[in-house]
Amino acid sequence: MSHELSTMNPLKPLRAKVDDVKIEAEGVKTYTLSTEFPFLAEPGQFNMIGYPGVGEAPISLSAIVNDGSFKHTIKSVGRVTDFLKDFKKGDELFFRGPYGRSWPVKKAEKKDVLIIAGGVGLAPLRPVIQIVLKRREAFGEVSLIYGARNEKNMLFMDEFKIWEKDISLYITVDEVSDVSKSPHPPFTKGGRGGINIGLVTDLIDGMKIKPERAIAFVCGPEIMMRFICRGLIMHGMSQSSLYVSLERRMKCGIAQCGHCQHSGLFVCQDGPVFSYKEVCGLPDGVL
């Protein structure tokens, strides 16, 4: 966090201006925000986003732009996010942060990187992809494995062609809503090219993974992360080389309220990024 922000009251929200709004998928928009204070953050961190009288919600950063602005990709799923869905360019909202532990990108250097996401879970991993593309020579083989319910729920599809120039993309959907009307790449089942129809775990089973030099960043529904991590362990990867991002009900963002406590860990402070070794098998989780 920048010096200006860190010396302020951590519970006092700051104003952010909405510079742009982009529709990503059904019920999902990306908001480009800027503030009068310098903003520094790491991939995987989050802000508490909200509005007076409505409340706050923890939202991971989906991009950290060079000019000091930042982006949040938000799905309308609750009171706060549903309120924000009507915000337009020029409006103001409020935020606190950034908070939390980031993805260990430095540890991933010189290794093969597996970036695995489900649904909106691609948003917190997008800054990792952007760093990899900017410093491609620092990493080994890089693969993005991404799954969604259908093509209408997929994020950042307009960026896939840019990403696939430097990293391998493995994309899958549970179902196709209407192939004849889809503007997206061809859908195949078990074939090469286009978008696969099936589970993310099916794609992993078909990959050649070098466990001794691989590291994985995983974000999505917890049940999905559970099967992904256990599948990667079956491929020979260690628990300490797998990283997941957890979601819990966060209120303060600074480990004072206890709402996000997870078997002695505070997700807002000790996470939201954890190694799988830290969180697997905890009694109040499904990992």
C-alpha atoms as a PDB file:
ATOM      1  CA  MET A   1       0.000   0.000   0.000  1.00  0.00           C
ATOM      2  CA  SER A   2       1.306   3.472  -0.741  1.00  0.00           C
ATOM      3  CA  HIS A   3       2.541   5.683   2.111  1.00  0.00           C
ATOM      4  CA  GLU A   4      -0.335   8.129   1.667  1.00  0.00           C
ATOM      5  CA  LEU A   5      -2.966   5.419   2.041  1.00  0.00           C
ATOM      6  CA  SER A   6      -1.208   3.455   4.795  1.00  0.00           C
ATOM      7  CA  THR A   7      -1.003   6.478   7.130  1.00  0.00           C
ATOM      8  CA  MET A   8      -4.740   7.135   6.947  1.00  0.00           C
ATOM      9  CA  ASN A   9      -7.476   5.613   9.066  1.00  0.00           C
ATOM     10  CA  PRO A  10      -7.743   2.067   7.600  1.00  0.00           C
ATOM     11  CA  LEU A  11     -11.498   2.046   8.237  1.00  0.00           C
ATOM     12  CA  LYS A  12     -12.167   5.356   6.471  1.00  0.00           C
ATOM     13  CA  PRO A  13     -13.291   4.844   2.863  1.00  0.00           C
ATOM     14  CA  LEU A  14     -11.732   6.877   0.053  1.00  0.00           C
ATOM     15  CA  ARG A  15     -13.524   8.190  -3.007  1.00  0.00           C
ATOM     16  CA  ALA A  16     -12.867   6.625  -6.403  1.00  0.00           C
ATOM     17  CA  LYS A  17     -14.100   7.924  -9.724  1.00  0.00           C
ATOM     18  CA  VAL A  18     -15.538   5.549 -12.297  1.00  0.00           C
ATOM     19  CA  ASP A  19     -13.533   6.201 -15.468  1.00  0.00           C
ATOM     20  CA  ASP A  20     -15.015   3.395 -17.554  1.00  0.00           C
ATOM     21  CA  VAL A  21     -17.534   0.543 -17.391  1.00  0.00           C
ATOM     22  CA  LYS A  22     -17.299  -2.509 -19.625  1.00  0.00           C
ATOM     23  CA  ILE A  23     -19.799  -5.363 -19.851  1.00  0.00           C
ATOM     24  CA  GLU A  24     -17.868  -8.656 -19.647  1.00  0.00           C
ATOM     25  CA  ALA A  25     -20.593 -11.301 -19.402  1.00  0.00           C
ATOM     26  CA  GLU A  26     -24.116 -11.795 -18.117  1.00  0.00           C
ATOM     27  CA  GLY A  27     -24.335  -9.831 -14.874  1.00  0.00           C
ATOM     28  CA  VAL A  28     -20.602  -9.022 -14.870  1.00  0.00           C
ATOM     29  CA  LYS A  29     -18.988  -5.641 -15.488  1.00  0.00           C
ATOM     30  CA  THR A  30     -15.440  -4.298 -15.203  1.00  0.00           C
ATOM     31  CA  TYR A  31     -15.097  -0.883 -13.583  1.00  0.00           C
ATOM     32  CA  THR A  32     -11.971   1.209 -14.205  1.00  0.00           C
ATOM     33  CA  LEU A  33     -11.437   3.396 -11.150  1.00  0.00           C
ATOM     34  CA  SER A  34      -9.064   6.192 -10.204  1.00  0.00           C
ATOM     35  CA  THR A  35      -8.374   8.119  -7.009  1.00  0.00           C
ATOM     36  CA  GLU A  36      -6.514  11.295  -6.104  1.00  0.00           C
ATOM     37  CA  PHE A  37      -4.026   9.268  -4.039  1.00  0.00           C
ATOM     38  CA  PRO A  38      -1.285   7.040  -5.514  1.00  0.00           C
ATOM     39  CA  PHE A  39      -2.542   3.462  -5.629  1.00  0.00           C
ATOM     40  CA  LEU A  40      -0.165   0.499  -5.375  1.00  0.00           C
ATOM     41  CA  ALA A  41      -1.276  -3.116  -5.133  1.00  0.00           C
ATOM     42  CA  GLU A  42      -0.185  -6.675  -5.894  1.00  0.00           C
ATOM     43  CA  PRO A  43      -2.025  -9.362  -7.937  1.00  0.00           C
ATOM     44  CA  GLY A  44      -4.448 -11.231  -5.705  1.00  0.00           C
ATOM     45  CA  GLN A  45      -5.141  -8.388  -3.282  1.00  0.00           C
ATOM     46  CA  PHE A  46      -8.613  -6.918  -2.840  1.00  0.00           C
ATOM     47  CA  ASN A  47     -10.415  -3.711  -1.958  1.00  0.00           C
ATOM     48  CA  MET A  48     -13.515  -3.222   0.138  1.00  0.00           C
ATOM     49  CA  ILE A  49     -15.859  -1.581  -2.388  1.00  0.00           C
ATOM     50  CA  GLY A  50     -19.110   0.098  -1.419  1.00  0.00           C
ATOM     51  CA  TYR A  51     -21.299   3.098  -0.936  1.00  0.00           C
ATOM     52  CA  PRO A  52     -22.594   4.888   2.196  1.00  0.00           C
ATOM     53  CA  GLY A  53     -25.852   3.445   3.455  1.00  0.00           C
ATOM     54  CA  VAL A  54     -25.490   0.342   1.290  1.00  0.00           C
ATOM     55  CA  GLY A  55     -22.440  -1.418   2.679  1.00  0.00           C
ATOM     56  CA  GLU A  56     -19.166  -2.862   1.456  1.00  0.00           C
ATOM     57  CA  ALA A  57     -18.089  -6.005  -0.379  1.00  0.00           C
ATOM     58  CA  PRO A  58     -14.584  -7.456  -0.815  1.00  0.00           C
ATOM     59  CA  ILE A  59     -13.673  -7.399  -4.515  1.00  0.00           C
ATOM     60  CA  SER A  60     -10.359  -8.629  -5.915  1.00  0.00           C
ATOM     61  CA  LEU A  61      -8.431  -6.440  -8.312  1.00  0.00           C
ATOM     62  CA  SER A  62      -8.773  -7.579 -11.916  1.00  0.00           C
ATOM     63  CA  ALA A  63      -6.109  -5.173 -13.237  1.00  0.00           C
ATOM     64  CA  ILE A  64      -3.581  -2.674 -11.917  1.00  0.00           C
ATOM     65  CA  VAL A  65      -2.980  -0.124 -14.656  1.00  0.00           C
ATOM     66  CA  ASN A  66       0.335   1.689 -15.145  1.00  0.00           C
ATOM     67  CA  ASP A  67      -1.244   5.138 -14.821  1.00  0.00           C
ATOM     68  CA  GLY A  68      -2.248   4.413 -11.231  1.00  0.00           C
ATOM     69  CA  SER A  69      -5.843   3.453 -11.931  1.00  0.00           C
ATOM     70  CA  PHE A  70      -7.196   0.021 -11.079  1.00  0.00           C
ATOM     71  CA  LYS A  71      -9.983  -2.288 -12.160  1.00  0.00           C
ATOM     72  CA  HIS A  72     -12.568  -4.445 -10.459  1.00  0.00           C
ATOM     73  CA  THR A  73     -14.620  -7.045 -12.315  1.00  0.00           C
ATOM     74  CA  ILE A  74     -17.864  -7.363 -10.377  1.00  0.00           C
ATOM     75  CA  LYS A  75     -20.706  -9.860 -10.618  1.00  0.00           C
ATOM     76  CA  SER A  76     -24.122  -8.806  -9.302  1.00  0.00           C
ATOM     77  CA  VAL A  77     -24.829 -11.377  -6.591  1.00  0.00           C
ATOM     78  CA  GLY A  78     -25.794  -9.416  -3.469  1.00  0.00           C
ATOM     79  CA  ARG A  79     -26.987  -6.100  -2.054  1.00  0.00           C
ATOM     80  CA  VAL A  80     -23.770  -4.146  -2.608  1.00  0.00           C
ATOM     81  CA  THR A  81     -22.827  -5.582  -5.997  1.00  0.00           C
ATOM     82  CA  ASP A  82     -26.413  -5.291  -7.218  1.00  0.00           C
ATOM     83  CA  PHE A  83     -26.394  -1.612  -6.218  1.00  0.00           C
ATOM     84  CA  LEU A  84     -23.138  -1.008  -8.102  1.00  0.00           C
ATOM     85  CA  LYS A  85     -24.363  -2.560 -11.358  1.00  0.00           C
ATOM     86  CA  ASP A  86     -26.055   0.693 -12.419  1.00  0.00           C
ATOM     87  CA  PHE A  87     -22.974   2.889 -11.893  1.00  0.00           C
ATOM     88  CA  LYS A  88     -21.757   4.718 -14.989  1.00  0.00           C
ATOM     89  CA  LYS A  89     -18.704   6.657 -16.130  1.00  0.00           C
ATOM     90  CA  GLY A  90     -18.288   9.771 -13.993  1.00  0.00           C
ATOM     91  CA  ASP A  91     -19.986   8.332 -10.897  1.00  0.00           C
ATOM     92  CA  GLU A  92     -18.171   7.966  -7.577  1.00  0.00           C
ATOM     93  CA  LEU A  93     -17.982   4.996  -5.264  1.00  0.00           C
ATOM     94  CA  PHE A  94     -15.940   4.339  -2.129  1.00  0.00           C
ATOM     95  CA  PHE A  95     -13.164   1.886  -1.349  1.00  0.00           C
ATOM     96  CA  ARG A  96     -10.704   0.787   1.325  1.00  0.00           C
ATOM     97  CA  GLY A  97      -7.533  -1.117   0.602  1.00  0.00           C
ATOM     98  CA  PRO A  98      -5.693  -2.786  -0.917  1.00  0.00           C
ATOM     99  CA  TYR A  99      -5.715  -5.630   1.591  1.00  0.00           C
ATOM    100  CA  GLY A 100      -4.505  -9.201   1.797  1.00  0.00           C
ATOM    101  CA  ARG A 101      -1.730 -11.470   0.631  1.00  0.00           C
ATOM    102  CA  SER A 102      -0.986 -11.658  -3.067  1.00  0.00           C
ATOM    103  CA  TRP A 103      -0.222 -14.447  -5.520  1.00  0.00           C
ATOM    104  CA  PRO A 104       3.468 -15.486  -5.153  1.00  0.00           C
ATOM    105  CA  VAL A 105       4.465 -14.372  -8.646  1.00  0.00           C
ATOM    106  CA  LYS A 106       8.133 -14.034  -7.662  1.00  0.00           C
ATOM    107  CA  LYS A 107       8.192 -17.673  -6.556  1.00  0.00           C
ATOM    108  CA  ALA A 108       6.804 -18.663  -9.967  1.00  0.00           C
ATOM    109  CA  GLU A 109       9.786 -17.289 -11.873  1.00  0.00           C
ATOM    110  CA  LYS A 110      11.745 -19.907 -13.840  1.00  0.00           C
ATOM    111  CA  LYS A 111       8.907 -22.408 -13.255  1.00  0.00           C
ATOM    112  CA  ASP A 112       6.098 -23.789 -15.365  1.00  0.00           C
ATOM    113  CA  VAL A 113       2.970 -21.909 -14.327  1.00  0.00           C
ATOM    114  CA  LEU A 114      -0.559 -23.326 -14.312  1.00  0.00           C
ATOM    115  CA  ILE A 115      -3.221 -20.623 -14.011  1.00  0.00           C
ATOM    116  CA  ILE A 116      -6.524 -22.368 -13.340  1.00  0.00           C
ATOM    117  CA  ALA A 117      -9.829 -20.509 -12.989  1.00  0.00           C
ATOM    118  CA  GLY A 118     -13.529 -21.165 -12.874  1.00  0.00           C
ATOM    119  CA  GLY A 119     -16.173 -18.562 -13.731  1.00  0.00           C
ATOM    120  CA  VAL A 120     -15.519 -15.146 -12.180  1.00  0.00           C
ATOM    121  CA  GLY A 121     -12.411 -16.667 -10.577  1.00  0.00           C
ATOM    122  CA  LEU A 122     -10.498 -15.568 -13.674  1.00  0.00           C
ATOM    123  CA  ALA A 123     -10.717 -11.919 -12.546  1.00  0.00           C
ATOM    124  CA  PRO A 124      -8.276 -12.181  -9.578  1.00  0.00           C
ATOM    125  CA  LEU A 125      -5.852 -14.108 -11.825  1.00  0.00           C
ATOM    126  CA  ARG A 126      -5.919 -11.628 -14.697  1.00  0.00           C
ATOM    127  CA  PRO A 127      -3.200  -9.424 -13.114  1.00  0.00           C
ATOM    128  CA  VAL A 128      -0.971 -12.517 -12.930  1.00  0.00           C
ATOM    129  CA  ILE A 129      -1.517 -13.120 -16.653  1.00  0.00           C
ATOM    130  CA  GLN A 130      -0.669  -9.489 -17.371  1.00  0.00           C
ATOM    131  CA  ILE A 131       2.608  -9.738 -15.422  1.00  0.00           C
ATOM    132  CA  VAL A 132       3.530 -12.982 -17.174  1.00  0.00           C
ATOM    133  CA  LEU A 133       2.923 -11.425 -20.595  1.00  0.00           C
ATOM    134  CA  LYS A 134       4.969  -8.365 -19.659  1.00  0.00           C
ATOM    135  CA  ARG A 135       7.908 -10.453 -18.367  1.00  0.00           C
ATOM    136  CA  ARG A 136       7.419 -13.618 -20.417  1.00  0.00           C
ATOM    137  CA  GLU A 137      11.122 -14.554 -20.425  1.00  0.00           C
ATOM    138  CA  ALA A 138      11.099 -14.894 -16.614  1.00  0.00           C
ATOM    139  CA  PHE A 139       8.791 -17.929 -16.643  1.00  0.00           C
ATOM    140  CA  GLY A 140       8.813 -21.405 -18.117  1.00  0.00           C
ATOM    141  CA  GLU A 141       5.781 -22.915 -19.852  1.00  0.00           C
ATOM    142  CA  VAL A 142       2.617 -21.038 -18.906  1.00  0.00           C
ATOM    143  CA  SER A 143      -0.886 -22.472 -19.299  1.00  0.00           C
ATOM    144  CA  LEU A 144      -4.280 -20.939 -18.602  1.00  0.00           C
ATOM    145  CA  ILE A 145      -6.988 -23.503 -17.865  1.00  0.00           C
ATOM    146  CA  TYR A 146     -10.364 -21.781 -17.665  1.00  0.00           C
ATOM    147  CA  GLY A 147     -13.891 -23.105 -17.347  1.00  0.00           C
ATOM    148  CA  ALA A 148     -17.340 -21.524 -17.144  1.00  0.00           C
ATOM    149  CA  ARG A 149     -20.963 -22.642 -17.177  1.00  0.00           C
ATOM    150  CA  ASN A 150     -21.416 -21.585 -20.804  1.00  0.00           C
ATOM    151  CA  GLU A 151     -19.975 -19.128 -23.312  1.00  0.00           C
ATOM    152  CA  LYS A 152     -22.194 -16.306 -22.026  1.00  0.00           C
ATOM    153  CA  ASN A 153     -20.527 -16.548 -18.613  1.00  0.00           C
ATOM    154  CA  MET A 154     -16.938 -16.406 -19.830  1.00  0.00           C
ATOM    155  CA  LEU A 155     -14.815 -13.375 -18.973  1.00  0.00           C
ATOM    156  CA  PHE A 156     -12.285 -11.480 -21.082  1.00  0.00           C
ATOM    157  CA  MET A 157     -12.869 -13.486 -24.260  1.00  0.00           C
ATOM    158  CA  ASP A 158     -11.766 -10.518 -26.348  1.00  0.00           C
ATOM    159  CA  GLU A 159      -8.325 -10.864 -24.735  1.00  0.00           C
ATOM    160  CA  PHE A 160      -7.852 -14.571 -25.469  1.00  0.00           C
ATOM    161  CA  LYS A 161      -6.256 -13.939 -28.874  1.00  0.00           C
ATOM    162  CA  ILE A 162      -3.662 -11.690 -27.239  1.00  0.00           C
ATOM    163  CA  TRP A 163      -2.955 -14.132 -24.431  1.00  0.00           C
ATOM    164  CA  GLU A 164      -2.611 -17.183 -26.655  1.00  0.00           C
ATOM    165  CA  LYS A 165       0.337 -15.611 -28.486  1.00  0.00           C
ATOM    166  CA  ASP A 166       2.554 -16.233 -25.454  1.00  0.00           C
ATOM    167  CA  ILE A 167       0.754 -18.742 -23.228  1.00  0.00           C
ATOM    168  CA  SER A 168      -1.210 -21.936 -23.845  1.00  0.00           C
ATOM    169  CA  LEU A 169      -4.983 -21.628 -23.430  1.00  0.00           C
ATOM    170  CA  TYR A 170      -7.242 -24.535 -22.454  1.00  0.00           C
ATOM    171  CA  ILE A 171     -10.847 -23.324 -22.374  1.00  0.00           C
ATOM    172  CA  THR A 172     -13.948 -25.328 -21.508  1.00  0.00           C
ATOM    173  CA  VAL A 173     -17.653 -24.839 -20.816  1.00  0.00           C
ATOM    174  CA  ASP A 174     -20.175 -27.073 -19.070  1.00  0.00           C
ATOM    175  CA  GLU A 175     -22.663 -26.475 -21.856  1.00  0.00           C
ATOM    176  CA  VAL A 176     -23.241 -24.348 -24.954  1.00  0.00           C
ATOM    177  CA  SER A 177     -26.388 -22.226 -24.865  1.00  0.00           C
ATOM    178  CA  ASP A 178     -26.805 -21.975 -28.655  1.00  0.00           C
ATOM    179  CA  VAL A 179     -23.966 -23.014 -30.964  1.00  0.00           C
ATOM    180  CA  SER A 180     -25.700 -21.706 -34.089  1.00  0.00           C
ATOM    181  CA  LYS A 181     -25.873 -18.162 -32.680  1.00  0.00           C
ATOM    182  CA  SER A 182     -22.565 -18.124 -30.803  1.00  0.00           C
ATOM    183  CA  PRO A 183     -20.109 -15.419 -31.960  1.00  0.00           C
ATOM    184  CA  HIS A 184     -17.297 -17.252 -30.186  1.00  0.00           C
ATOM    185  CA  PRO A 185     -14.764 -19.846 -31.429  1.00  0.00           C
ATOM    186  CA  PRO A 186     -15.969 -23.348 -32.348  1.00  0.00           C
ATOM    187  CA  PHE A 187     -16.896 -25.686 -29.521  1.00  0.00           C
ATOM    188  CA  THR A 188     -15.527 -29.217 -29.516  1.00  0.00           C
ATOM    189  CA  LYS A 189     -15.839 -32.177 -27.214  1.00  0.00           C
ATOM    190  CA  GLY A 190     -12.501 -33.780 -26.494  1.00  0.00           C
ATOM    191  CA  GLY A 191     -10.970 -32.241 -29.607  1.00  0.00           C
ATOM    192  CA  ARG A 192      -8.237 -29.717 -30.239  1.00  0.00           C
ATOM    193  CA  GLY A 193      -8.815 -26.062 -30.943  1.00  0.00           C
ATOM    194  CA  GLY A 194     -11.829 -23.950 -30.153  1.00  0.00           C
ATOM    195  CA  ILE A 195     -13.490 -24.378 -26.770  1.00  0.00           C
ATOM    196  CA  ASN A 196     -13.934 -27.753 -25.125  1.00  0.00           C
ATOM    197  CA  ILE A 197     -17.229 -28.953 -23.668  1.00  0.00           C
ATOM    198  CA  GLY A 198     -16.590 -30.593 -20.322  1.00  0.00           C
ATOM    199  CA  LEU A 199     -15.026 -30.069 -16.901  1.00  0.00           C
ATOM    200  CA  VAL A 200     -11.831 -28.219 -16.057  1.00  0.00           C
ATOM    201  CA  THR A 201     -10.560 -31.404 -14.428  1.00  0.00           C
ATOM    202  CA  ASP A 202     -10.889 -33.190 -17.791  1.00  0.00           C
ATOM    203  CA  LEU A 203      -8.458 -30.704 -19.337  1.00  0.00           C
ATOM    204  CA  ILE A 204      -5.930 -31.179 -16.546  1.00  0.00           C
ATOM    205  CA  ASP A 205      -6.062 -34.953 -16.907  1.00  0.00           C
ATOM    206  CA  GLY A 206      -5.009 -34.561 -20.531  1.00  0.00           C
ATOM    207  CA  MET A 207      -2.052 -32.278 -19.836  1.00  0.00           C
ATOM    208  CA  LYS A 208       1.597 -33.242 -19.479  1.00  0.00           C
ATOM    209  CA  ILE A 209       2.692 -31.697 -16.186  1.00  0.00           C
ATOM    210  CA  LYS A 210       6.263 -31.649 -14.907  1.00  0.00           C
ATOM    211  CA  PRO A 211       5.506 -31.621 -11.163  1.00  0.00           C
ATOM    212  CA  GLU A 212       9.072 -30.961 -10.050  1.00  0.00           C
ATOM    213  CA  ARG A 213       9.115 -27.561 -11.786  1.00  0.00           C
ATOM    214  CA  ALA A 214       5.444 -26.552 -11.775  1.00  0.00           C
ATOM    215  CA  ILE A 215       3.451 -24.125  -9.659  1.00  0.00           C
ATOM    216  CA  ALA A 216      -0.320 -23.618  -9.814  1.00  0.00           C
ATOM    217  CA  PHE A 217      -2.548 -20.627  -9.045  1.00  0.00           C
ATOM    218  CA  VAL A 218      -6.194 -21.691  -8.650  1.00  0.00           C
ATOM    219  CA  CYS A 219      -9.302 -19.531  -8.183  1.00  0.00           C
ATOM    220  CA  GLY A 220     -12.975 -20.426  -8.416  1.00  0.00           C
ATOM    221  CA  PRO A 221     -15.706 -22.122  -6.376  1.00  0.00           C
ATOM    222  CA  GLU A 222     -14.197 -24.010  -3.439  1.00  0.00           C
ATOM    223  CA  ILE A 223     -15.539 -27.365  -4.576  1.00  0.00           C
ATOM    224  CA  MET A 224     -13.854 -26.816  -7.944  1.00  0.00           C
ATOM    225  CA  MET A 225     -10.572 -25.831  -6.280  1.00  0.00           C
ATOM    226  CA  ARG A 226     -10.749 -28.947  -4.138  1.00  0.00           C
ATOM    227  CA  PHE A 227     -10.949 -31.301  -7.112  1.00  0.00           C
ATOM    228  CA  ILE A 228      -8.367 -29.316  -9.082  1.00  0.00           C
ATOM    229  CA  CYS A 229      -5.826 -29.389  -6.268  1.00  0.00           C
ATOM    230  CA  ARG A 230      -6.373 -33.060  -5.532  1.00  0.00           C
ATOM    231  CA  GLY A 231      -6.044 -33.816  -9.231  1.00  0.00           C
ATOM    232  CA  LEU A 232      -2.759 -31.914  -9.441  1.00  0.00           C
ATOM    233  CA  ILE A 233      -1.470 -33.782  -6.395  1.00  0.00           C
ATOM    234  CA  MET A 234      -2.274 -37.030  -8.203  1.00  0.00           C
ATOM    235  CA  HIS A 235      -0.108 -35.678 -11.044  1.00  0.00           C
ATOM    236  CA  GLY A 236       2.758 -35.452  -8.542  1.00  0.00           C
ATOM    237  CA  MET A 237       2.591 -31.793  -7.507  1.00  0.00           C
ATOM    238  CA  SER A 238       3.162 -30.974  -3.839  1.00  0.00           C
ATOM    239  CA  GLN A 239       0.610 -29.172  -1.655  1.00  0.00           C
ATOM    240  CA  SER A 240       3.079 -26.329  -1.100  1.00  0.00           C
ATOM    241  CA  SER A 241       3.272 -25.626  -4.852  1.00  0.00           C
ATOM    242  CA  LEU A 242      -0.495 -25.124  -5.156  1.00  0.00           C
ATOM    243  CA  TYR A 243      -2.061 -21.751  -4.313  1.00  0.00           C
ATOM    244  CA  VAL A 244      -5.748 -20.943  -3.929  1.00  0.00           C
ATOM    245  CA  SER A 245      -7.743 -17.777  -3.265  1.00  0.00           C
ATOM    246  CA  LEU A 246     -10.478 -18.116  -0.652  1.00  0.00           C
ATOM    247  CA  GLU A 247     -13.648 -16.114  -0.176  1.00  0.00           C
ATOM    248  CA  ARG A 248     -15.174 -15.575   3.251  1.00  0.00           C
ATOM    249  CA  ARG A 249     -17.542 -12.942   4.613  1.00  0.00           C
ATOM    250  CA  MET A 250     -15.209  -9.979   5.201  1.00  0.00           C
ATOM    251  CA  LYS A 251     -16.347  -6.884   7.075  1.00  0.00           C
ATOM    252  CA  CYS A 252     -13.302  -4.882   8.166  1.00  0.00           C
ATOM    253  CA  GLY A 253     -10.512  -6.121   5.890  1.00  0.00           C
ATOM    254  CA  ILE A 254      -7.897  -5.735   8.648  1.00  0.00           C
ATOM    255  CA  ALA A 255      -8.471  -8.832  10.856  1.00  0.00           C
ATOM    256  CA  GLN A 256     -10.357  -6.990  13.609  1.00  0.00           C
ATOM    257  CA  CYS A 257     -13.960  -8.165  13.302  1.00  0.00           C
ATOM    258  CA  GLY A 258     -13.493 -11.936  13.023  1.00  0.00           C
ATOM    259  CA  HIS A 259     -16.133 -12.403  10.301  1.00  0.00           C
ATOM    260  CA  CYS A 260     -13.696 -14.078   7.919  1.00  0.00           C
ATOM    261  CA  GLN A 261     -11.905 -16.244  10.477  1.00  0.00           C
ATOM    262  CA  HIS A 262     -11.156 -19.668   9.054  1.00  0.00           C
ATOM    263  CA  SER A 263      -9.792 -22.153  11.639  1.00  0.00           C
ATOM    264  CA  GLY A 264      -7.476 -19.586  13.227  1.00  0.00           C
ATOM    265  CA  LEU A 265      -6.657 -17.833   9.962  1.00  0.00           C
ATOM    266  CA  PHE A 266      -8.040 -14.462   8.900  1.00  0.00           C
ATOM    267  CA  VAL A 267      -8.801 -14.596   5.183  1.00  0.00           C
ATOM    268  CA  CYS A 268      -8.567 -10.809   4.850  1.00  0.00           C
ATOM    269  CA  GLN A 269      -5.086 -10.634   6.395  1.00  0.00           C
ATOM    270  CA  ASP A 270      -3.499 -14.093   6.107  1.00  0.00           C
ATOM    271  CA  GLY A 271      -5.063 -14.560   2.664  1.00  0.00           C
ATOM    272  CA  PRO A 272      -7.037 -14.410   0.510  1.00  0.00           C
ATOM    273  CA  VAL A 273      -4.219 -16.315  -1.236  1.00  0.00           C
ATOM    274  CA  PHE A 274      -3.050 -19.418   0.643  1.00  0.00           C
ATOM    275  CA  SER A 275      -0.942 -22.390  -0.225  1.00  0.00           C
ATOM    276  CA  TYR A 276      -3.099 -25.509  -0.412  1.00  0.00           C
ATOM    277  CA  LYS A 277      -0.969 -26.972   2.370  1.00  0.00           C
ATOM    278  CA  GLU A 278      -2.175 -24.207   4.717  1.00  0.00           C
ATOM    279  CA  VAL A 279      -5.900 -24.713   4.188  1.00  0.00           C
ATOM    280  CA  CYS A 280      -6.598 -28.263   3.018  1.00  0.00           C
ATOM    281  CA  GLY A 281      -8.632 -30.350   5.421  1.00  0.00           C
ATOM    282  CA  LEU A 282      -9.673 -27.490   7.720  1.00  0.00           C
ATOM    283  CA  PRO A 283     -12.971 -28.314   9.467  1.00  0.00           C
ATOM    284  CA  ASP A 284     -14.924 -25.265   8.267  1.00  0.00           C
ATOM    285  CA  GLY A 285     -13.962 -25.522   4.616  1.00  0.00           C
ATOM    286  CA  VAL A 286     -14.341 -27.930   1.694  1.00  0.00           C
ATOM    287  CA  LEU A 287     -10.727 -27.939   0.496  1.00  0.00           C
END
